[in-house]
Amino acid sequence: MLTVDTYFATSMPAAMPETLIPHIDSPLAWSALLVFVTAALGADFMSLRRQGNRIISFKDALRWSVLWVGLAMVFCAGLWLSLDLTDGRALANVKAGEFLTGYLIEKSLSVDNLFVFLMLFTTFHVPLPQQKKALMIGIIAAIVLRILLILIGAWLISRFSWVMYLFGIFLLYTGIKMVVAAEEVHDLENNKLLQWMRNHLTISNEYHGSALYVIKDKVRVYTPLFVVVVLIGVTDVMFAVDSIPAIFAVTNDPYIVMSSNIFAVLGLRALYFMLAGMAERFHLLKFGLAAILVFIGSKMLIVDFYHIPVGVSLAIVLVLLVATMIASLVIKPKSAG
């Protein structure tokens, strides 16, 4: 499955530098990922159609979220087993660890993305059926954007090794900025894109089912759903730019980067409806996400001096997430005090 001698896979130490760890480039592996993702998206679309206008309960959203995480773990187990059989236990452990760490990082960063979606839906009073459509469009857009950015990032890293330092500095800056702006309230009225759309497009105040625009008196009138979908697309771009460099701190294997990102994005719709009523409960989560970005950025900057093992990175990310979630439940928000 890999383009290296079996010797490297079987004798590879746990903390081998990233540049010496082989990449997965088997056509069979890429085909399996494509089939797995296509089937998952198809199942999600069919589920969306069956649900219709029915309100998604917390229990249903939790069940679907668990299912999506379970599918990611099944894929990880299949990856580990195939590598264990073909290239040795050591490499199988490393690649499975990279996938789990990348998946956890991307999943946790996507939570912040969902809180922005919640703000958009609340501000524009988006009806439930339209929320579902907007989320599906957002998920597909996120997958496409991440694929493009991953390909660009992998190409840059293969050509210019110093790009990793730029990624590290960017993540440090993003993490610090997230802490500084943690208490700030998003003001959509000052959003430049929204102001541009209002000044240059004819936008109605009413929804017309799932239509993004309607024709009135031979004039194209855009619905609020169009505005929401555009803002979600821009949000996807912003968060993809943040999250893609983060995964490259864990591995520069395009297959692991791609698969962990896609699986993290696939369950966003269910995760949104599960977290919609819990946004205020985890008010300190932003600080945990910021700490993760700072840690990952630092990891990139010291890679030439010390390589942090994948297992250690996974443990640190998990501890930061759990700690801030527990702290959110123990420490009440200022507004609640």
C-alpha atoms as a PDB file:
ATOM      1  CA  MET A   1       0.000   0.000   0.000  1.00  0.00           C
ATOM      2  CA  LEU A   2       2.942   2.335   0.634  1.00  0.00           C
ATOM      3  CA  THR A   3       5.817   3.515  -1.505  1.00  0.00           C
ATOM      4  CA  VAL A   4       8.568   2.370   0.872  1.00  0.00           C
ATOM      5  CA  ASP A   5      10.299  -0.834   1.739  1.00  0.00           C
ATOM      6  CA  THR A   6       8.660  -2.965   4.364  1.00  0.00           C
ATOM      7  CA  TYR A   7      11.782  -2.433   6.460  1.00  0.00           C
ATOM      8  CA  PHE A   8      10.760   1.129   7.283  1.00  0.00           C
ATOM      9  CA  ALA A   9       7.280   0.068   8.316  1.00  0.00           C
ATOM     10  CA  THR A  10       8.374  -2.738  10.598  1.00  0.00           C
ATOM     11  CA  SER A  11      11.359  -1.056  12.210  1.00  0.00           C
ATOM     12  CA  MET A  12      10.007   2.480  12.457  1.00  0.00           C
ATOM     13  CA  PRO A  13      10.341   4.027  15.936  1.00  0.00           C
ATOM     14  CA  ALA A  14       7.287   5.648  17.485  1.00  0.00           C
ATOM     15  CA  ALA A  15       8.770   9.144  17.252  1.00  0.00           C
ATOM     16  CA  MET A  16      10.198   8.922  13.735  1.00  0.00           C
ATOM     17  CA  PRO A  17      10.400  12.374  12.117  1.00  0.00           C
ATOM     18  CA  GLU A  18       7.473  13.206   9.859  1.00  0.00           C
ATOM     19  CA  THR A  19       9.621  13.377   6.740  1.00  0.00           C
ATOM     20  CA  LEU A  20      10.637   9.709   7.096  1.00  0.00           C
ATOM     21  CA  ILE A  21       7.115   8.346   7.591  1.00  0.00           C
ATOM     22  CA  PRO A  22       5.799   7.046   4.251  1.00  0.00           C
ATOM     23  CA  HIS A  23       2.569   8.260   2.699  1.00  0.00           C
ATOM     24  CA  ILE A  24      -0.446   6.201   1.710  1.00  0.00           C
ATOM     25  CA  ASP A  25      -0.790   6.405  -2.070  1.00  0.00           C
ATOM     26  CA  SER A  26      -2.501   3.155  -3.002  1.00  0.00           C
ATOM     27  CA  PRO A  27      -5.280   3.605  -5.621  1.00  0.00           C
ATOM     28  CA  LEU A  28      -7.266   1.009  -3.668  1.00  0.00           C
ATOM     29  CA  ALA A  29      -7.059   3.101  -0.488  1.00  0.00           C
ATOM     30  CA  TRP A  30      -8.220   6.252  -2.290  1.00  0.00           C
ATOM     31  CA  SER A  31     -11.024   4.324  -3.980  1.00  0.00           C
ATOM     32  CA  ALA A  32     -12.170   2.949  -0.629  1.00  0.00           C
ATOM     33  CA  LEU A  33     -12.258   6.471   0.817  1.00  0.00           C
ATOM     34  CA  LEU A  34     -14.279   7.750  -2.160  1.00  0.00           C
ATOM     35  CA  VAL A  35     -16.804   4.909  -1.890  1.00  0.00           C
ATOM     36  CA  PHE A  36     -17.103   5.315   1.887  1.00  0.00           C
ATOM     37  CA  VAL A  37     -17.691   9.074   1.680  1.00  0.00           C
ATOM     38  CA  THR A  38     -20.118   8.830  -1.254  1.00  0.00           C
ATOM     39  CA  ALA A  39     -22.202   6.217   0.574  1.00  0.00           C
ATOM     40  CA  ALA A  40     -22.196   8.335   3.763  1.00  0.00           C
ATOM     41  CA  LEU A  41     -23.342  11.468   1.929  1.00  0.00           C
ATOM     42  CA  GLY A  42     -26.023   9.491   0.111  1.00  0.00           C
ATOM     43  CA  ALA A  43     -27.325   8.115   3.402  1.00  0.00           C
ATOM     44  CA  ASP A  44     -27.389  11.622   4.887  1.00  0.00           C
ATOM     45  CA  PHE A  45     -29.349  13.001   1.920  1.00  0.00           C
ATOM     46  CA  MET A  46     -31.893  10.179   2.146  1.00  0.00           C
ATOM     47  CA  SER A  47     -32.250  10.769   5.872  1.00  0.00           C
ATOM     48  CA  LEU A  48     -32.815  14.480   5.238  1.00  0.00           C
ATOM     49  CA  ARG A  49     -35.543  13.709   2.709  1.00  0.00           C
ATOM     50  CA  ARG A  50     -37.309  11.262   5.046  1.00  0.00           C
ATOM     51  CA  GLN A  51     -37.263  13.749   7.910  1.00  0.00           C
ATOM     52  CA  GLY A  52     -39.030  16.387   5.825  1.00  0.00           C
ATOM     53  CA  ASN A  53     -40.153  19.305   8.001  1.00  0.00           C
ATOM     54  CA  ARG A  54     -40.029  17.291  11.202  1.00  0.00           C
ATOM     55  CA  ILE A  55     -38.182  18.938  14.063  1.00  0.00           C
ATOM     56  CA  ILE A  56     -34.997  17.064  14.927  1.00  0.00           C
ATOM     57  CA  SER A  57     -34.961  16.261  18.632  1.00  0.00           C
ATOM     58  CA  PHE A  58     -31.840  16.269  20.770  1.00  0.00           C
ATOM     59  CA  LYS A  59     -32.096  12.488  21.097  1.00  0.00           C
ATOM     60  CA  ASP A  60     -32.232  12.007  17.305  1.00  0.00           C
ATOM     61  CA  ALA A  61     -29.334  14.412  16.782  1.00  0.00           C
ATOM     62  CA  LEU A  62     -27.300  12.625  19.451  1.00  0.00           C
ATOM     63  CA  ARG A  63     -28.030   9.251  17.849  1.00  0.00           C
ATOM     64  CA  TRP A  64     -26.909  10.488  14.426  1.00  0.00           C
ATOM     65  CA  SER A  65     -23.813  12.149  15.893  1.00  0.00           C
ATOM     66  CA  VAL A  66     -22.811   8.896  17.566  1.00  0.00           C
ATOM     67  CA  LEU A  67     -23.389   7.082  14.255  1.00  0.00           C
ATOM     68  CA  TRP A  68     -21.121   9.489  12.347  1.00  0.00           C
ATOM     69  CA  VAL A  69     -18.370   9.177  14.944  1.00  0.00           C
ATOM     70  CA  GLY A  70     -18.813   5.408  14.802  1.00  0.00           C
ATOM     71  CA  LEU A  71     -18.372   5.435  11.013  1.00  0.00           C
ATOM     72  CA  ALA A  72     -15.148   7.403  11.406  1.00  0.00           C
ATOM     73  CA  MET A  73     -13.898   4.848  13.919  1.00  0.00           C
ATOM     74  CA  VAL A  74     -14.856   1.981  11.573  1.00  0.00           C
ATOM     75  CA  PHE A  75     -12.856   3.646   8.802  1.00  0.00           C
ATOM     76  CA  CYS A  76      -9.912   4.115  11.174  1.00  0.00           C
ATOM     77  CA  ALA A  77     -10.100   0.459  12.220  1.00  0.00           C
ATOM     78  CA  GLY A  78     -10.178  -0.613   8.564  1.00  0.00           C
ATOM     79  CA  LEU A  79      -7.174   1.581   7.829  1.00  0.00           C
ATOM     80  CA  TRP A  80      -5.255   0.135  10.764  1.00  0.00           C
ATOM     81  CA  LEU A  81      -6.105  -3.459   9.822  1.00  0.00           C
ATOM     82  CA  SER A  82      -5.100  -3.049   6.170  1.00  0.00           C
ATOM     83  CA  LEU A  83      -1.781  -1.433   7.114  1.00  0.00           C
ATOM     84  CA  ASP A  84      -1.155  -4.033   9.818  1.00  0.00           C
ATOM     85  CA  LEU A  85      -1.572  -6.807   7.269  1.00  0.00           C
ATOM     86  CA  THR A  86       0.481  -5.201   4.493  1.00  0.00           C
ATOM     87  CA  ASP A  87       3.086  -2.931   6.107  1.00  0.00           C
ATOM     88  CA  GLY A  88       3.413  -3.904   9.762  1.00  0.00           C
ATOM     89  CA  ARG A  89       1.998  -3.077  13.163  1.00  0.00           C
ATOM     90  CA  ALA A  90       4.283  -0.067  13.814  1.00  0.00           C
ATOM     91  CA  LEU A  91       3.177   1.881  10.766  1.00  0.00           C
ATOM     92  CA  ALA A  92      -0.448   0.871  11.281  1.00  0.00           C
ATOM     93  CA  ASN A  93      -0.337   2.351  14.797  1.00  0.00           C
ATOM     94  CA  VAL A  94       1.251   5.600  13.577  1.00  0.00           C
ATOM     95  CA  LYS A  95      -1.219   6.160  10.734  1.00  0.00           C
ATOM     96  CA  ALA A  96      -4.250   5.290  12.871  1.00  0.00           C
ATOM     97  CA  GLY A  97      -2.952   7.669  15.531  1.00  0.00           C
ATOM     98  CA  GLU A  98      -2.525  10.425  12.942  1.00  0.00           C
ATOM     99  CA  PHE A  99      -6.076   9.885  11.717  1.00  0.00           C
ATOM    100  CA  LEU A 100      -7.553   9.987  15.232  1.00  0.00           C
ATOM    101  CA  THR A 101      -5.594  13.111  16.194  1.00  0.00           C
ATOM    102  CA  GLY A 102      -6.480  14.892  12.960  1.00  0.00           C
ATOM    103  CA  TYR A 103     -10.123  13.865  13.263  1.00  0.00           C
ATOM    104  CA  LEU A 104     -10.347  15.125  16.846  1.00  0.00           C
ATOM    105  CA  ILE A 105      -8.702  18.460  15.955  1.00  0.00           C
ATOM    106  CA  GLU A 106     -10.917  19.061  12.930  1.00  0.00           C
ATOM    107  CA  LYS A 107     -14.060  17.964  14.768  1.00  0.00           C
ATOM    108  CA  SER A 108     -13.361  20.266  17.701  1.00  0.00           C
ATOM    109  CA  LEU A 109     -12.583  23.245  15.447  1.00  0.00           C
ATOM    110  CA  SER A 110     -15.804  22.618  13.520  1.00  0.00           C
ATOM    111  CA  VAL A 111     -17.796  23.176  16.720  1.00  0.00           C
ATOM    112  CA  ASP A 112     -16.857  26.861  16.615  1.00  0.00           C
ATOM    113  CA  ASN A 113     -18.043  26.877  13.019  1.00  0.00           C
ATOM    114  CA  LEU A 114     -21.414  25.512  14.117  1.00  0.00           C
ATOM    115  CA  PHE A 115     -21.855  28.273  16.671  1.00  0.00           C
ATOM    116  CA  VAL A 116     -21.515  30.798  13.831  1.00  0.00           C
ATOM    117  CA  PHE A 117     -24.170  28.870  11.870  1.00  0.00           C
ATOM    118  CA  LEU A 118     -26.431  29.073  14.916  1.00  0.00           C
ATOM    119  CA  MET A 119     -25.951  32.832  15.073  1.00  0.00           C
ATOM    120  CA  LEU A 120     -26.808  33.171  11.364  1.00  0.00           C
ATOM    121  CA  PHE A 121     -29.941  31.030  11.636  1.00  0.00           C
ATOM    122  CA  THR A 122     -31.106  32.942  14.697  1.00  0.00           C
ATOM    123  CA  THR A 123     -30.423  36.379  13.225  1.00  0.00           C
ATOM    124  CA  PHE A 124     -32.218  35.635   9.952  1.00  0.00           C
ATOM    125  CA  HIS A 125     -34.996  33.585  11.605  1.00  0.00           C
ATOM    126  CA  VAL A 126     -34.345  30.690   9.234  1.00  0.00           C
ATOM    127  CA  PRO A 127     -37.193  28.098   9.339  1.00  0.00           C
ATOM    128  CA  LEU A 128     -36.187  24.549  10.242  1.00  0.00           C
ATOM    129  CA  PRO A 129     -36.575  23.031   6.741  1.00  0.00           C
ATOM    130  CA  GLN A 130     -34.370  25.774   5.292  1.00  0.00           C
ATOM    131  CA  GLN A 131     -31.821  25.265   8.083  1.00  0.00           C
ATOM    132  CA  LYS A 132     -31.451  21.661   6.967  1.00  0.00           C
ATOM    133  CA  LYS A 133     -30.882  22.667   3.341  1.00  0.00           C
ATOM    134  CA  ALA A 134     -28.414  25.414   4.267  1.00  0.00           C
ATOM    135  CA  LEU A 135     -26.458  22.966   6.422  1.00  0.00           C
ATOM    136  CA  MET A 136     -26.255  20.374   3.654  1.00  0.00           C
ATOM    137  CA  ILE A 137     -25.026  23.012   1.208  1.00  0.00           C
ATOM    138  CA  GLY A 138     -22.539  24.141   3.845  1.00  0.00           C
ATOM    139  CA  ILE A 139     -21.262  20.591   4.368  1.00  0.00           C
ATOM    140  CA  ILE A 140     -20.760  19.970   0.656  1.00  0.00           C
ATOM    141  CA  ALA A 141     -19.050  23.354   0.276  1.00  0.00           C
ATOM    142  CA  ALA A 142     -16.819  22.575   3.272  1.00  0.00           C
ATOM    143  CA  ILE A 143     -15.738  19.241   1.776  1.00  0.00           C
ATOM    144  CA  VAL A 144     -14.941  20.796  -1.614  1.00  0.00           C
ATOM    145  CA  LEU A 145     -13.050  23.715  -0.040  1.00  0.00           C
ATOM    146  CA  ARG A 146     -11.031  21.434   2.201  1.00  0.00           C
ATOM    147  CA  ILE A 147     -10.070  19.169  -0.697  1.00  0.00           C
ATOM    148  CA  LEU A 148      -8.817  22.184  -2.658  1.00  0.00           C
ATOM    149  CA  LEU A 149      -6.926  23.660   0.295  1.00  0.00           C
ATOM    150  CA  ILE A 150      -5.418  20.293   1.238  1.00  0.00           C
ATOM    151  CA  LEU A 151      -4.115  19.813  -2.293  1.00  0.00           C
ATOM    152  CA  ILE A 152      -2.677  23.338  -2.297  1.00  0.00           C
ATOM    153  CA  GLY A 153      -1.186  22.887   1.185  1.00  0.00           C
ATOM    154  CA  ALA A 154       0.371  19.516   0.309  1.00  0.00           C
ATOM    155  CA  TRP A 155       1.892  20.979  -2.857  1.00  0.00           C
ATOM    156  CA  LEU A 156       3.321  23.977  -0.990  1.00  0.00           C
ATOM    157  CA  ILE A 157       4.848  21.804   1.739  1.00  0.00           C
ATOM    158  CA  SER A 158       6.392  19.433  -0.806  1.00  0.00           C
ATOM    159  CA  ARG A 159       7.999  22.375  -2.633  1.00  0.00           C
ATOM    160  CA  PHE A 160       8.798  24.746   0.225  1.00  0.00           C
ATOM    161  CA  SER A 161       9.489  23.183   3.629  1.00  0.00           C
ATOM    162  CA  TRP A 162       9.549  26.614   5.292  1.00  0.00           C
ATOM    163  CA  VAL A 163       5.795  26.915   4.658  1.00  0.00           C
ATOM    164  CA  MET A 164       5.323  24.848   7.827  1.00  0.00           C
ATOM    165  CA  TYR A 165       6.759  27.739   9.827  1.00  0.00           C
ATOM    166  CA  LEU A 166       4.268  30.124   8.224  1.00  0.00           C
ATOM    167  CA  PHE A 167       1.464  27.724   9.145  1.00  0.00           C
ATOM    168  CA  GLY A 168       2.750  27.595  12.710  1.00  0.00           C
ATOM    169  CA  ILE A 169       2.939  31.379  13.062  1.00  0.00           C
ATOM    170  CA  PHE A 170      -0.544  31.707  11.548  1.00  0.00           C
ATOM    171  CA  LEU A 171      -2.015  29.198  14.016  1.00  0.00           C
ATOM    172  CA  LEU A 172      -0.322  30.928  16.948  1.00  0.00           C
ATOM    173  CA  TYR A 173      -1.785  34.243  15.819  1.00  0.00           C
ATOM    174  CA  THR A 174      -5.228  32.705  15.296  1.00  0.00           C
ATOM    175  CA  GLY A 175      -5.205  31.064  18.723  1.00  0.00           C
ATOM    176  CA  ILE A 176      -4.161  34.269  20.511  1.00  0.00           C
ATOM    177  CA  LYS A 177      -6.706  36.290  18.540  1.00  0.00           C
ATOM    178  CA  MET A 178      -9.419  33.796  19.503  1.00  0.00           C
ATOM    179  CA  VAL A 179      -8.646  34.340  23.194  1.00  0.00           C
ATOM    180  CA  VAL A 180      -8.616  38.137  22.835  1.00  0.00           C
ATOM    181  CA  ALA A 181     -11.918  38.132  20.938  1.00  0.00           C
ATOM    182  CA  ALA A 182     -13.570  35.385  23.004  1.00  0.00           C
ATOM    183  CA  GLU A 183     -15.919  37.795  24.764  1.00  0.00           C
ATOM    184  CA  GLU A 184     -16.738  39.835  21.679  1.00  0.00           C
ATOM    185  CA  VAL A 185     -20.246  39.583  20.240  1.00  0.00           C
ATOM    186  CA  HIS A 186     -20.492  39.030  16.505  1.00  0.00           C
ATOM    187  CA  ASP A 187     -22.169  42.013  14.845  1.00  0.00           C
ATOM    188  CA  LEU A 188     -23.604  40.959  11.507  1.00  0.00           C
ATOM    189  CA  GLU A 189     -24.737  44.473  10.711  1.00  0.00           C
ATOM    190  CA  ASN A 190     -21.098  45.482  10.260  1.00  0.00           C
ATOM    191  CA  ASN A 191     -20.307  42.491   8.049  1.00  0.00           C
ATOM    192  CA  LYS A 192     -18.841  43.890   4.824  1.00  0.00           C
ATOM    193  CA  LEU A 193     -20.203  41.092   2.640  1.00  0.00           C
ATOM    194  CA  LEU A 194     -23.705  41.467   4.046  1.00  0.00           C
ATOM    195  CA  GLN A 195     -23.581  45.225   3.503  1.00  0.00           C
ATOM    196  CA  TRP A 196     -22.428  44.671  -0.091  1.00  0.00           C
ATOM    197  CA  MET A 197     -25.276  42.235  -0.814  1.00  0.00           C
ATOM    198  CA  ARG A 198     -27.841  44.618   0.644  1.00  0.00           C
ATOM    199  CA  ASN A 199     -26.471  47.501  -1.452  1.00  0.00           C
ATOM    200  CA  HIS A 200     -26.147  45.628  -4.751  1.00  0.00           C
ATOM    201  CA  LEU A 201     -28.845  42.938  -4.671  1.00  0.00           C
ATOM    202  CA  THR A 202     -32.594  43.005  -4.292  1.00  0.00           C
ATOM    203  CA  ILE A 203     -33.309  40.953  -1.191  1.00  0.00           C
ATOM    204  CA  SER A 204     -36.787  40.069   0.064  1.00  0.00           C
ATOM    205  CA  ASN A 205     -37.796  39.865   3.695  1.00  0.00           C
ATOM    206  CA  GLU A 206     -39.718  36.629   3.206  1.00  0.00           C
ATOM    207  CA  TYR A 207     -38.672  33.039   2.610  1.00  0.00           C
ATOM    208  CA  HIS A 208     -40.037  31.226  -0.432  1.00  0.00           C
ATOM    209  CA  GLY A 209     -39.586  27.621   0.587  1.00  0.00           C
ATOM    210  CA  SER A 210     -36.109  26.403  -0.329  1.00  0.00           C
ATOM    211  CA  ALA A 211     -35.731  28.858  -3.215  1.00  0.00           C
ATOM    212  CA  LEU A 212     -32.613  31.020  -3.237  1.00  0.00           C
ATOM    213  CA  TYR A 213     -34.312  33.605  -5.447  1.00  0.00           C
ATOM    214  CA  VAL A 214     -37.639  34.339  -7.146  1.00  0.00           C
ATOM    215  CA  ILE A 215     -38.620  36.417 -10.174  1.00  0.00           C
ATOM    216  CA  LYS A 216     -40.969  39.337  -9.480  1.00  0.00           C
ATOM    217  CA  ASP A 217     -41.930  41.720 -12.271  1.00  0.00           C
ATOM    218  CA  LYS A 218     -39.025  40.371 -14.338  1.00  0.00           C
ATOM    219  CA  VAL A 219     -36.619  41.245 -11.539  1.00  0.00           C
ATOM    220  CA  ARG A 220     -34.567  38.624  -9.699  1.00  0.00           C
ATOM    221  CA  VAL A 221     -35.255  38.929  -5.976  1.00  0.00           C
ATOM    222  CA  TYR A 222     -32.974  37.004  -3.637  1.00  0.00           C
ATOM    223  CA  THR A 223     -34.420  35.372  -0.541  1.00  0.00           C
ATOM    224  CA  PRO A 224     -32.928  35.546   2.960  1.00  0.00           C
ATOM    225  CA  LEU A 225     -31.899  31.900   2.460  1.00  0.00           C
ATOM    226  CA  PHE A 226     -29.549  33.012  -0.330  1.00  0.00           C
ATOM    227  CA  VAL A 227     -27.901  35.488   2.051  1.00  0.00           C
ATOM    228  CA  VAL A 228     -27.513  32.815   4.729  1.00  0.00           C
ATOM    229  CA  VAL A 229     -26.040  30.282   2.269  1.00  0.00           C
ATOM    230  CA  VAL A 230     -23.492  32.856   1.012  1.00  0.00           C
ATOM    231  CA  LEU A 231     -22.470  33.763   4.577  1.00  0.00           C
ATOM    232  CA  ILE A 232     -22.150  30.065   5.450  1.00  0.00           C
ATOM    233  CA  GLY A 233     -19.929  29.585   2.397  1.00  0.00           C
ATOM    234  CA  VAL A 234     -17.677  32.454   3.456  1.00  0.00           C
ATOM    235  CA  THR A 235     -17.597  31.041   6.991  1.00  0.00           C
ATOM    236  CA  ASP A 236     -16.510  27.675   5.556  1.00  0.00           C
ATOM    237  CA  VAL A 237     -13.636  29.378   3.758  1.00  0.00           C
ATOM    238  CA  MET A 238     -12.509  31.180   6.917  1.00  0.00           C
ATOM    239  CA  PHE A 239     -12.614  28.063   9.075  1.00  0.00           C
ATOM    240  CA  ALA A 240     -10.992  25.890   6.408  1.00  0.00           C
ATOM    241  CA  VAL A 241      -8.073  28.330   6.270  1.00  0.00           C
ATOM    242  CA  ASP A 242      -7.718  27.929  10.051  1.00  0.00           C
ATOM    243  CA  SER A 243      -8.164  24.177  10.264  1.00  0.00           C
ATOM    244  CA  ILE A 244      -6.168  22.896   7.277  1.00  0.00           C
ATOM    245  CA  PRO A 245      -2.793  24.167   8.604  1.00  0.00           C
ATOM    246  CA  ALA A 246      -3.671  22.549  11.936  1.00  0.00           C
ATOM    247  CA  ILE A 247      -3.918  19.061  10.482  1.00  0.00           C
ATOM    248  CA  PHE A 248      -0.604  19.463   8.651  1.00  0.00           C
ATOM    249  CA  ALA A 249       1.013  19.797  12.080  1.00  0.00           C
ATOM    250  CA  VAL A 250      -0.082  16.218  12.759  1.00  0.00           C
ATOM    251  CA  THR A 251       0.807  14.693   9.394  1.00  0.00           C
ATOM    252  CA  ASN A 252       1.689  15.743   5.851  1.00  0.00           C
ATOM    253  CA  ASP A 253       0.241  12.543   4.405  1.00  0.00           C
ATOM    254  CA  PRO A 254      -2.477  13.789   1.975  1.00  0.00           C
ATOM    255  CA  TYR A 255      -4.550  10.639   2.517  1.00  0.00           C
ATOM    256  CA  ILE A 256      -4.716  11.085   6.304  1.00  0.00           C
ATOM    257  CA  VAL A 257      -5.279  14.838   5.996  1.00  0.00           C
ATOM    258  CA  MET A 258      -8.090  14.328   3.489  1.00  0.00           C
ATOM    259  CA  SER A 259      -9.854  11.465   5.247  1.00  0.00           C
ATOM    260  CA  SER A 260      -9.746  12.982   8.743  1.00  0.00           C
ATOM    261  CA  ASN A 261     -11.083  16.303   7.416  1.00  0.00           C
ATOM    262  CA  ILE A 262     -13.911  14.759   5.427  1.00  0.00           C
ATOM    263  CA  PHE A 263     -15.063  12.530   8.267  1.00  0.00           C
ATOM    264  CA  ALA A 264     -14.979  15.478  10.669  1.00  0.00           C
ATOM    265  CA  VAL A 265     -17.209  17.478   8.320  1.00  0.00           C
ATOM    266  CA  LEU A 266     -19.681  14.696   7.446  1.00  0.00           C
ATOM    267  CA  GLY A 267     -21.483  14.715  10.785  1.00  0.00           C
ATOM    268  CA  LEU A 268     -21.822  18.495  11.115  1.00  0.00           C
ATOM    269  CA  ARG A 269     -25.558  18.590  10.403  1.00  0.00           C
ATOM    270  CA  ALA A 270     -26.414  16.189  13.241  1.00  0.00           C
ATOM    271  CA  LEU A 271     -23.865  17.839  15.514  1.00  0.00           C
ATOM    272  CA  TYR A 272     -25.435  21.238  14.865  1.00  0.00           C
ATOM    273  CA  PHE A 273     -28.886  20.161  16.015  1.00  0.00           C
ATOM    274  CA  MET A 274     -27.345  18.486  19.049  1.00  0.00           C
ATOM    275  CA  LEU A 275     -25.398  21.616  20.039  1.00  0.00           C
ATOM    276  CA  ALA A 276     -28.053  24.180  19.058  1.00  0.00           C
ATOM    277  CA  GLY A 277     -29.594  24.130  22.505  1.00  0.00           C
ATOM    278  CA  MET A 278     -26.274  23.763  24.311  1.00  0.00           C
ATOM    279  CA  ALA A 279     -24.254  26.693  22.931  1.00  0.00           C
ATOM    280  CA  GLU A 280     -24.398  28.630  26.188  1.00  0.00           C
ATOM    281  CA  ARG A 281     -23.430  25.627  28.297  1.00  0.00           C
ATOM    282  CA  PHE A 282     -19.989  25.376  26.705  1.00  0.00           C
ATOM    283  CA  HIS A 283     -19.145  29.068  26.817  1.00  0.00           C
ATOM    284  CA  LEU A 284     -15.473  28.370  27.641  1.00  0.00           C
ATOM    285  CA  LEU A 285     -14.939  26.014  24.708  1.00  0.00           C
ATOM    286  CA  LYS A 286     -13.436  28.831  22.637  1.00  0.00           C
ATOM    287  CA  PHE A 287     -10.539  29.007  25.090  1.00  0.00           C
ATOM    288  CA  GLY A 288      -9.919  25.289  24.661  1.00  0.00           C
ATOM    289  CA  LEU A 289      -9.949  25.640  20.876  1.00  0.00           C
ATOM    290  CA  ALA A 290      -7.579  28.602  21.140  1.00  0.00           C
ATOM    291  CA  ALA A 291      -5.217  26.562  23.330  1.00  0.00           C
ATOM    292  CA  ILE A 292      -5.299  23.745  20.758  1.00  0.00           C
ATOM    293  CA  LEU A 293      -4.344  26.153  17.967  1.00  0.00           C
ATOM    294  CA  VAL A 294      -1.504  27.612  20.060  1.00  0.00           C
ATOM    295  CA  PHE A 295      -0.245  24.104  20.874  1.00  0.00           C
ATOM    296  CA  ILE A 296      -0.383  23.001  17.233  1.00  0.00           C
ATOM    297  CA  GLY A 297       1.302  26.198  16.044  1.00  0.00           C
ATOM    298  CA  SER A 298       4.079  25.713  18.597  1.00  0.00           C
ATOM    299  CA  LYS A 299       4.439  22.076  17.520  1.00  0.00           C
ATOM    300  CA  MET A 300       5.048  23.239  13.950  1.00  0.00           C
ATOM    301  CA  LEU A 301       7.642  25.798  14.979  1.00  0.00           C
ATOM    302  CA  ILE A 302       9.749  23.342  17.013  1.00  0.00           C
ATOM    303  CA  VAL A 303       9.489  20.392  14.625  1.00  0.00           C
ATOM    304  CA  ASP A 304      13.161  20.694  13.592  1.00  0.00           C
ATOM    305  CA  PHE A 305      14.247  20.555  17.232  1.00  0.00           C
ATOM    306  CA  TYR A 306      11.770  18.137  18.779  1.00  0.00           C
ATOM    307  CA  HIS A 307       9.091  15.907  17.288  1.00  0.00           C
ATOM    308  CA  ILE A 308       6.073  15.493  19.565  1.00  0.00           C
ATOM    309  CA  PRO A 309       4.731  11.924  19.142  1.00  0.00           C
ATOM    310  CA  VAL A 310       1.258  11.547  17.661  1.00  0.00           C
ATOM    311  CA  GLY A 311      -0.040   9.854  20.818  1.00  0.00           C
ATOM    312  CA  VAL A 312       1.089  12.777  22.963  1.00  0.00           C
ATOM    313  CA  SER A 313      -0.565  15.278  20.600  1.00  0.00           C
ATOM    314  CA  LEU A 314      -3.812  13.293  20.712  1.00  0.00           C
ATOM    315  CA  ALA A 315      -3.752  13.220  24.519  1.00  0.00           C
ATOM    316  CA  ILE A 316      -3.073  16.966  24.820  1.00  0.00           C
ATOM    317  CA  VAL A 317      -5.884  17.901  22.418  1.00  0.00           C
ATOM    318  CA  LEU A 318      -8.301  15.596  24.215  1.00  0.00           C
ATOM    319  CA  VAL A 319      -7.355  16.964  27.659  1.00  0.00           C
ATOM    320  CA  LEU A 320      -7.776  20.581  26.502  1.00  0.00           C
ATOM    321  CA  LEU A 321     -11.223  19.856  25.083  1.00  0.00           C
ATOM    322  CA  VAL A 322     -12.497  17.903  28.074  1.00  0.00           C
ATOM    323  CA  ALA A 323     -11.056  20.407  30.566  1.00  0.00           C
ATOM    324  CA  THR A 324     -12.761  23.416  28.974  1.00  0.00           C
ATOM    325  CA  MET A 325     -16.058  21.567  28.601  1.00  0.00           C
ATOM    326  CA  ILE A 326     -16.029  20.569  32.274  1.00  0.00           C
ATOM    327  CA  ALA A 327     -15.010  24.109  33.253  1.00  0.00           C
ATOM    328  CA  SER A 328     -17.939  25.463  31.210  1.00  0.00           C
ATOM    329  CA  LEU A 329     -20.354  23.359  33.235  1.00  0.00           C
ATOM    330  CA  VAL A 330     -18.773  24.343  36.555  1.00  0.00           C
ATOM    331  CA  ILE A 331     -18.185  28.060  35.897  1.00  0.00           C
ATOM    332  CA  LYS A 332     -21.324  29.958  34.970  1.00  0.00           C
ATOM    333  CA  PRO A 333     -21.255  32.582  32.192  1.00  0.00           C
ATOM    334  CA  LYS A 334     -20.973  36.178  33.340  1.00  0.00           C
ATOM    335  CA  SER A 335     -24.489  36.928  32.153  1.00  0.00           C
ATOM    336  CA  ALA A 336     -25.788  34.100  34.339  1.00  0.00           C
ATOM    337  CA  GLY A 337     -24.039  35.421  37.407  1.00  0.00           C
END
